[in-house]
Amino acid sequence: MSSELHWKTAITEVKPNKIRLRGQAIDELMGRITFSQAIYLALKGEMPTTEVGQLVEAILVSSIDHGASPPSVLAARTVASTGADLNAAVAAGVLAISRYHGGAIEEGMKLFWAIARRANEKNITPKEAAAELLEEMKAKGERASGFGHRLHTQDPRTTRLFSLADELGLAGQFVQIAREVEAYLEASVGKKLPINVDGAIAALLCELDFPPELGNAFFIIARVPGLVAHVYEEKIRMKPMRKIHPEDFEYDGPGKEA
C-alpha cells in the first residue's frame, strides 16, 4: 500500500548511475544541446526545435544585465557590501525582482493572451480586441505592462528579438498583438510608448505557448549571471559598507564611449 506521504514528480528521475531530465539522459544531452535548450526541456517537458532553441537563447541573452541601476543589482551590491556570501547577495537581487521590476513579462503575457482569446471568442480582429481591452483597462486606471522605457526610445533588444523571430519563422499573432497595443497606446496617449524588452519577451513566450506564470522565470534565469558579476565586482573592487548611490556611477570597462 502506498504511504499517504508518497508523491510524484515528472521532472527528473535519479537512480544509481542514471540521471534523466524529462526522460532524457543528462550525460547524453551534455555537449549536444545548449543550456537554453535544456531550460526549455525542463520547463516544457519536450525538446525544442533548433529555431525555438535559438529564440530562447536570444531571450535569455537580451536580459542578462541592464547596468548598475536596476533595483535587483542595487540590492545585490548592497548586501554584498556587508560582507555577505555570494549566495546571499545574489538571492537578495533575485528577491528584488517582482511586480514592478521584471514583472512586466508576466503581466504582458496575460494581456496578450486575453486579447487573443477575445479576438477568437468574438470573431474580431486583434486590433479590435486590443482596443476593447485597453479601453476597459483605462477605465479601471490600469496600465499595459511592457511598453515604454525610462531610457530607451527604441529598445534595441526588442528590435533584434522581433527580427530574429521573423527570421526563424516564429513571429505570429502575438507579435502582431504587441504591435497593435503599441499603436493603440501611441494614439491614445499622444506619444510613442515603444515595446520594451519585457513586452517583446512576453509576446515571444506567448508565441512559444508558455503560460504567463512562467514569464518572470525567464527574467530571473537571465539576470542571475549579471547579478553574480555585480556581486563579485562589489567584493573585489569596492570598500565594504559603502553608501551606494543609485545613479552617480559611470562605466569604465572595455569599449567605453568617449
Protein backbone atom coordinates (compact mmCIF):
# COMPACT_ATOMS: atom_id res chain seq x y z
CA MET A 1 0.00 0.00 0.00
CA SER A 2 1.25 3.45 -0.87
CA SER A 3 2.10 5.79 2.01
CA GLU A 4 0.00 8.95 2.35
CA LEU A 5 3.30 10.83 2.18
CA HIS A 6 4.12 9.36 -1.22
CA TRP A 7 4.20 11.94 -4.02
CA LYS A 8 5.27 12.15 -7.66
CA THR A 9 7.32 14.41 -9.93
CA ALA A 10 7.61 14.35 -13.71
CA ILE A 11 10.78 16.47 -13.96
CA THR A 12 13.90 14.47 -13.13
CA GLU A 13 14.47 10.79 -12.40
CA VAL A 14 17.59 9.91 -10.43
CA LYS A 15 18.79 6.34 -9.93
CA PRO A 16 22.24 4.86 -9.30
CA ASN A 17 24.45 5.95 -12.21
CA LYS A 18 21.46 7.40 -14.09
CA ILE A 19 20.01 10.92 -14.29
CA ARG A 20 17.16 11.63 -16.68
CA LEU A 21 15.64 15.10 -17.26
CA ARG A 22 12.12 14.74 -18.66
CA GLY A 23 13.09 11.26 -19.80
CA GLN A 24 16.36 12.37 -21.45
CA ALA A 25 19.70 11.11 -20.10
CA ILE A 26 21.68 14.09 -18.82
CA ASP A 27 25.02 12.64 -19.89
CA GLU A 28 23.72 12.22 -23.44
CA LEU A 29 22.43 15.79 -23.52
CA MET A 30 25.77 17.20 -22.36
CA GLY A 31 27.71 18.59 -25.29
CA ARG A 32 24.74 18.01 -27.58
CA ILE A 33 22.29 20.71 -26.55
CA THR A 34 22.67 24.26 -25.25
CA PHE A 35 21.83 25.41 -21.75
CA SER A 36 18.86 27.32 -23.21
CA GLN A 37 17.55 24.15 -24.83
CA ALA A 38 17.93 22.34 -21.50
CA ILE A 39 15.95 25.11 -19.79
CA TYR A 40 13.18 24.72 -22.36
CA LEU A 41 13.22 20.95 -21.84
CA ALA A 42 12.98 21.33 -18.06
CA LEU A 43 10.10 23.82 -18.25
CA LYS A 44 8.11 22.39 -21.15
CA GLY A 45 8.91 18.69 -20.89
CA GLU A 46 9.97 18.40 -24.53
CA MET A 47 12.97 19.21 -26.68
CA PRO A 48 12.70 22.48 -28.62
CA THR A 49 13.29 22.69 -32.34
CA THR A 50 16.55 24.30 -33.41
CA GLU A 51 14.68 27.52 -34.21
CA VAL A 52 12.90 27.64 -30.86
CA GLY A 53 16.17 26.93 -29.08
CA GLN A 54 17.79 29.88 -30.86
CA LEU A 55 14.98 32.20 -29.87
CA VAL A 56 15.06 31.12 -26.22
CA GLU A 57 18.82 31.68 -26.26
CA ALA A 58 18.32 35.21 -27.58
CA ILE A 59 15.62 35.94 -24.99
CA LEU A 60 17.96 34.97 -22.16
CA VAL A 61 20.89 36.93 -23.58
CA SER A 62 18.71 40.01 -24.01
CA SER A 63 18.09 40.31 -20.27
CA ILE A 64 21.40 39.17 -18.82
CA ASP A 65 22.13 42.65 -17.44
CA HIS A 66 21.00 46.26 -17.74
CA GLY A 67 23.63 48.21 -15.86
CA ALA A 68 24.11 49.04 -12.20
CA SER A 69 20.88 50.97 -11.57
CA PRO A 70 18.11 48.29 -11.56
CA PRO A 71 16.74 47.51 -8.06
CA SER A 72 17.93 43.91 -8.23
CA VAL A 73 21.52 45.00 -8.83
CA LEU A 74 21.43 47.68 -6.13
CA ALA A 75 20.00 45.15 -3.68
CA ALA A 76 22.63 42.54 -4.55
CA ARG A 77 25.50 45.03 -4.31
CA THR A 78 24.21 46.44 -1.02
CA VAL A 79 24.08 43.00 0.57
CA ALA A 80 27.49 42.10 -0.91
CA SER A 81 28.89 45.29 0.61
CA THR A 82 28.05 43.98 4.08
CA GLY A 83 30.39 41.04 3.58
CA ALA A 84 27.61 38.55 2.92
CA ASP A 85 28.41 35.44 0.92
CA LEU A 86 27.78 35.25 -2.83
CA ASN A 87 24.61 33.19 -2.47
CA ALA A 88 23.03 35.64 -0.03
CA ALA A 89 23.84 38.69 -2.15
CA VAL A 90 22.57 37.08 -5.36
CA ALA A 91 19.44 35.89 -3.54
CA ALA A 92 18.80 39.47 -2.40
CA GLY A 93 18.94 40.55 -6.03
CA VAL A 94 16.53 37.84 -7.11
CA LEU A 95 14.14 38.76 -4.30
CA ALA A 96 14.02 42.32 -5.65
CA ILE A 97 12.58 41.03 -8.94
CA SER A 98 8.85 41.41 -8.59
CA ARG A 99 5.78 43.17 -9.96
CA TYR A 100 7.44 46.46 -10.91
CA HIS A 101 10.88 45.10 -11.76
CA GLY A 102 10.78 42.15 -14.14
CA GLY A 103 7.09 41.53 -13.55
CA ALA A 104 6.10 43.17 -16.83
CA ILE A 105 6.73 39.91 -18.69
CA GLU A 106 4.04 38.00 -16.82
CA GLU A 107 1.61 40.92 -16.94
CA GLY A 108 2.27 41.43 -20.64
CA MET A 109 1.66 37.76 -21.36
CA LYS A 110 -1.67 37.88 -19.52
CA LEU A 111 -2.73 40.87 -21.60
CA PHE A 112 -1.66 39.33 -24.91
CA TRP A 113 -3.39 36.02 -24.14
CA ALA A 114 -6.55 37.91 -23.12
CA ILE A 115 -6.54 39.85 -26.40
CA ALA A 116 -6.06 36.65 -28.40
CA ARG A 117 -8.92 34.93 -26.55
CA ARG A 118 -11.27 37.87 -27.07
CA ALA A 119 -10.45 38.11 -30.75
CA ASN A 120 -11.19 34.40 -31.12
CA GLU A 121 -14.34 34.35 -28.97
CA LYS A 122 -15.92 37.42 -30.59
CA ASN A 123 -14.55 36.70 -34.06
CA ILE A 124 -12.99 40.16 -34.30
CA THR A 125 -9.53 41.31 -35.33
CA PRO A 126 -6.65 41.50 -32.83
CA LYS A 127 -6.70 45.27 -33.37
CA GLU A 128 -10.35 45.47 -32.33
CA ALA A 129 -9.84 43.13 -29.38
CA ALA A 130 -6.82 45.11 -28.21
CA ALA A 131 -8.77 48.38 -28.38
CA GLU A 132 -11.64 46.92 -26.35
CA LEU A 133 -9.46 45.51 -23.61
CA LEU A 134 -7.25 48.57 -23.38
CA GLU A 135 -10.29 50.83 -23.10
CA GLU A 136 -11.56 48.66 -20.24
CA MET A 137 -8.16 48.83 -18.54
CA LYS A 138 -8.05 52.59 -18.98
CA ALA A 139 -11.46 52.94 -17.32
CA LYS A 140 -10.13 50.96 -14.33
CA GLY A 141 -6.93 53.00 -14.13
CA GLU A 142 -4.78 50.04 -15.19
CA ARG A 143 -1.77 50.30 -17.48
CA ALA A 144 -0.36 47.95 -20.08
CA SER A 145 2.91 46.38 -18.97
CA GLY A 146 5.83 46.01 -21.38
CA PHE A 147 5.57 49.38 -23.09
CA GLY A 148 7.69 52.48 -22.67
CA HIS A 149 11.13 52.78 -21.10
CA ARG A 150 12.79 55.32 -18.84
CA LEU A 151 15.89 55.34 -21.05
CA HIS A 152 15.27 53.79 -24.47
CA THR A 153 13.01 55.44 -27.06
CA GLN A 154 13.54 52.36 -29.24
CA ASP A 155 14.74 49.36 -27.26
CA PRO A 156 17.46 47.70 -29.38
CA ARG A 157 16.75 44.37 -27.73
CA THR A 158 13.14 44.45 -28.90
CA THR A 159 14.21 45.22 -32.46
CA ARG A 160 16.63 42.29 -32.52
CA LEU A 161 14.28 39.81 -30.84
CA PHE A 162 11.44 40.52 -33.27
CA SER A 163 13.82 40.48 -36.21
CA LEU A 164 15.20 37.11 -35.13
CA ALA A 165 11.70 35.74 -34.56
CA ASP A 166 10.84 36.76 -38.12
CA GLU A 167 14.00 35.10 -39.47
CA LEU A 168 13.19 31.89 -37.58
CA GLY A 169 9.55 31.85 -38.66
CA LEU A 170 8.32 32.19 -35.08
CA ALA A 171 6.72 35.64 -35.19
CA GLY A 172 2.96 35.22 -35.33
CA GLN A 173 -0.27 36.53 -33.83
CA PHE A 174 1.25 37.63 -30.52
CA VAL A 175 3.91 39.81 -32.12
CA GLN A 176 1.07 41.34 -34.13
CA ILE A 177 -0.94 41.83 -30.95
CA ALA A 178 2.01 43.55 -29.24
CA ARG A 179 2.32 45.91 -32.18
CA GLU A 180 -1.42 46.62 -32.11
CA VAL A 181 -1.17 47.51 -28.42
CA GLU A 182 1.81 49.75 -29.14
CA ALA A 183 -0.12 51.56 -31.89
CA TYR A 184 -3.22 51.96 -29.71
CA LEU A 185 -1.21 53.39 -26.82
CA GLU A 186 0.51 55.91 -29.09
CA ALA A 187 -2.83 57.08 -30.45
CA SER A 188 -4.44 57.14 -27.00
CA VAL A 189 -1.63 58.76 -25.01
CA GLY A 190 -0.39 61.02 -27.76
CA LYS A 191 3.20 59.84 -27.61
CA LYS A 192 5.05 56.71 -28.60
CA LEU A 193 5.38 54.09 -25.89
CA PRO A 194 7.62 51.56 -27.64
CA ILE A 195 7.53 47.86 -26.87
CA ASN A 196 10.36 47.33 -24.39
CA VAL A 197 12.32 44.14 -23.95
CA ASP A 198 9.86 42.80 -21.37
CA GLY A 199 6.97 43.32 -23.77
CA ALA A 200 8.91 41.68 -26.58
CA ILE A 201 9.78 38.67 -24.42
CA ALA A 202 6.15 38.44 -23.31
CA ALA A 203 4.96 38.31 -26.92
CA LEU A 204 7.53 35.71 -27.91
CA LEU A 205 6.87 33.48 -24.90
CA CYS A 206 3.20 33.55 -25.89
CA GLU A 207 4.25 32.52 -29.40
CA LEU A 208 6.08 29.58 -27.78
CA ASP A 209 2.92 28.69 -25.82
CA PHE A 210 4.35 29.30 -22.36
CA PRO A 211 1.86 30.10 -19.57
CA PRO A 212 2.11 33.60 -18.04
CA GLU A 213 3.05 32.06 -14.69
CA LEU A 214 6.46 31.21 -16.15
CA GLY A 215 7.07 34.64 -17.68
CA ASN A 216 9.10 36.11 -14.84
CA ALA A 217 11.13 32.90 -14.61
CA PHE A 218 12.88 33.88 -17.82
CA PHE A 219 13.81 37.27 -16.38
CA ILE A 220 15.17 35.66 -13.21
CA ILE A 221 17.12 32.97 -15.09
CA ALA A 222 18.59 35.56 -17.43
CA ARG A 223 19.56 38.02 -14.70
CA VAL A 224 21.38 35.64 -12.33
CA PRO A 225 24.73 35.74 -14.25
CA GLY A 226 24.60 39.54 -14.32
CA LEU A 227 23.89 39.64 -10.59
CA VAL A 228 26.81 37.31 -9.94
CA ALA A 229 29.09 39.63 -11.93
CA HIS A 230 27.93 42.68 -9.97
CA VAL A 231 28.31 40.93 -6.61
CA TYR A 232 31.81 39.74 -7.48
CA GLU A 233 32.83 43.21 -8.68
CA GLU A 234 31.45 44.75 -5.49
CA LYS A 235 33.52 42.40 -3.38
CA ILE A 236 36.83 42.79 -5.21
CA ARG A 237 36.63 46.46 -6.21
CA MET A 238 34.64 48.38 -3.61
CA LYS A 239 35.08 49.16 0.08
CA PRO A 240 32.80 47.29 2.49
CA MET A 241 29.72 49.03 3.90
CA ARG A 242 29.85 51.87 1.38
CA LYS A 243 26.94 54.15 0.54
CA ILE A 244 25.78 53.00 -2.90
CA HIS A 245 24.35 55.84 -4.94
CA PRO A 246 21.68 54.57 -7.36
CA GLU A 247 22.66 56.99 -10.16
CA ASP A 248 26.09 58.53 -9.50
CA PHE A 249 28.25 55.93 -11.21
CA GLU A 250 29.94 55.50 -14.58
CA TYR A 251 31.02 52.66 -16.82
CA ASP A 252 34.79 52.30 -17.23
CA GLY A 253 35.04 48.89 -18.87
CA PRO A 254 36.03 47.81 -22.38
CA GLY A 255 34.69 49.85 -25.27
CA LYS A 256 33.71 52.86 -23.15
CA GLU A 257 32.35 55.60 -25.39
CA ALA A 258 34.03 58.99 -25.12
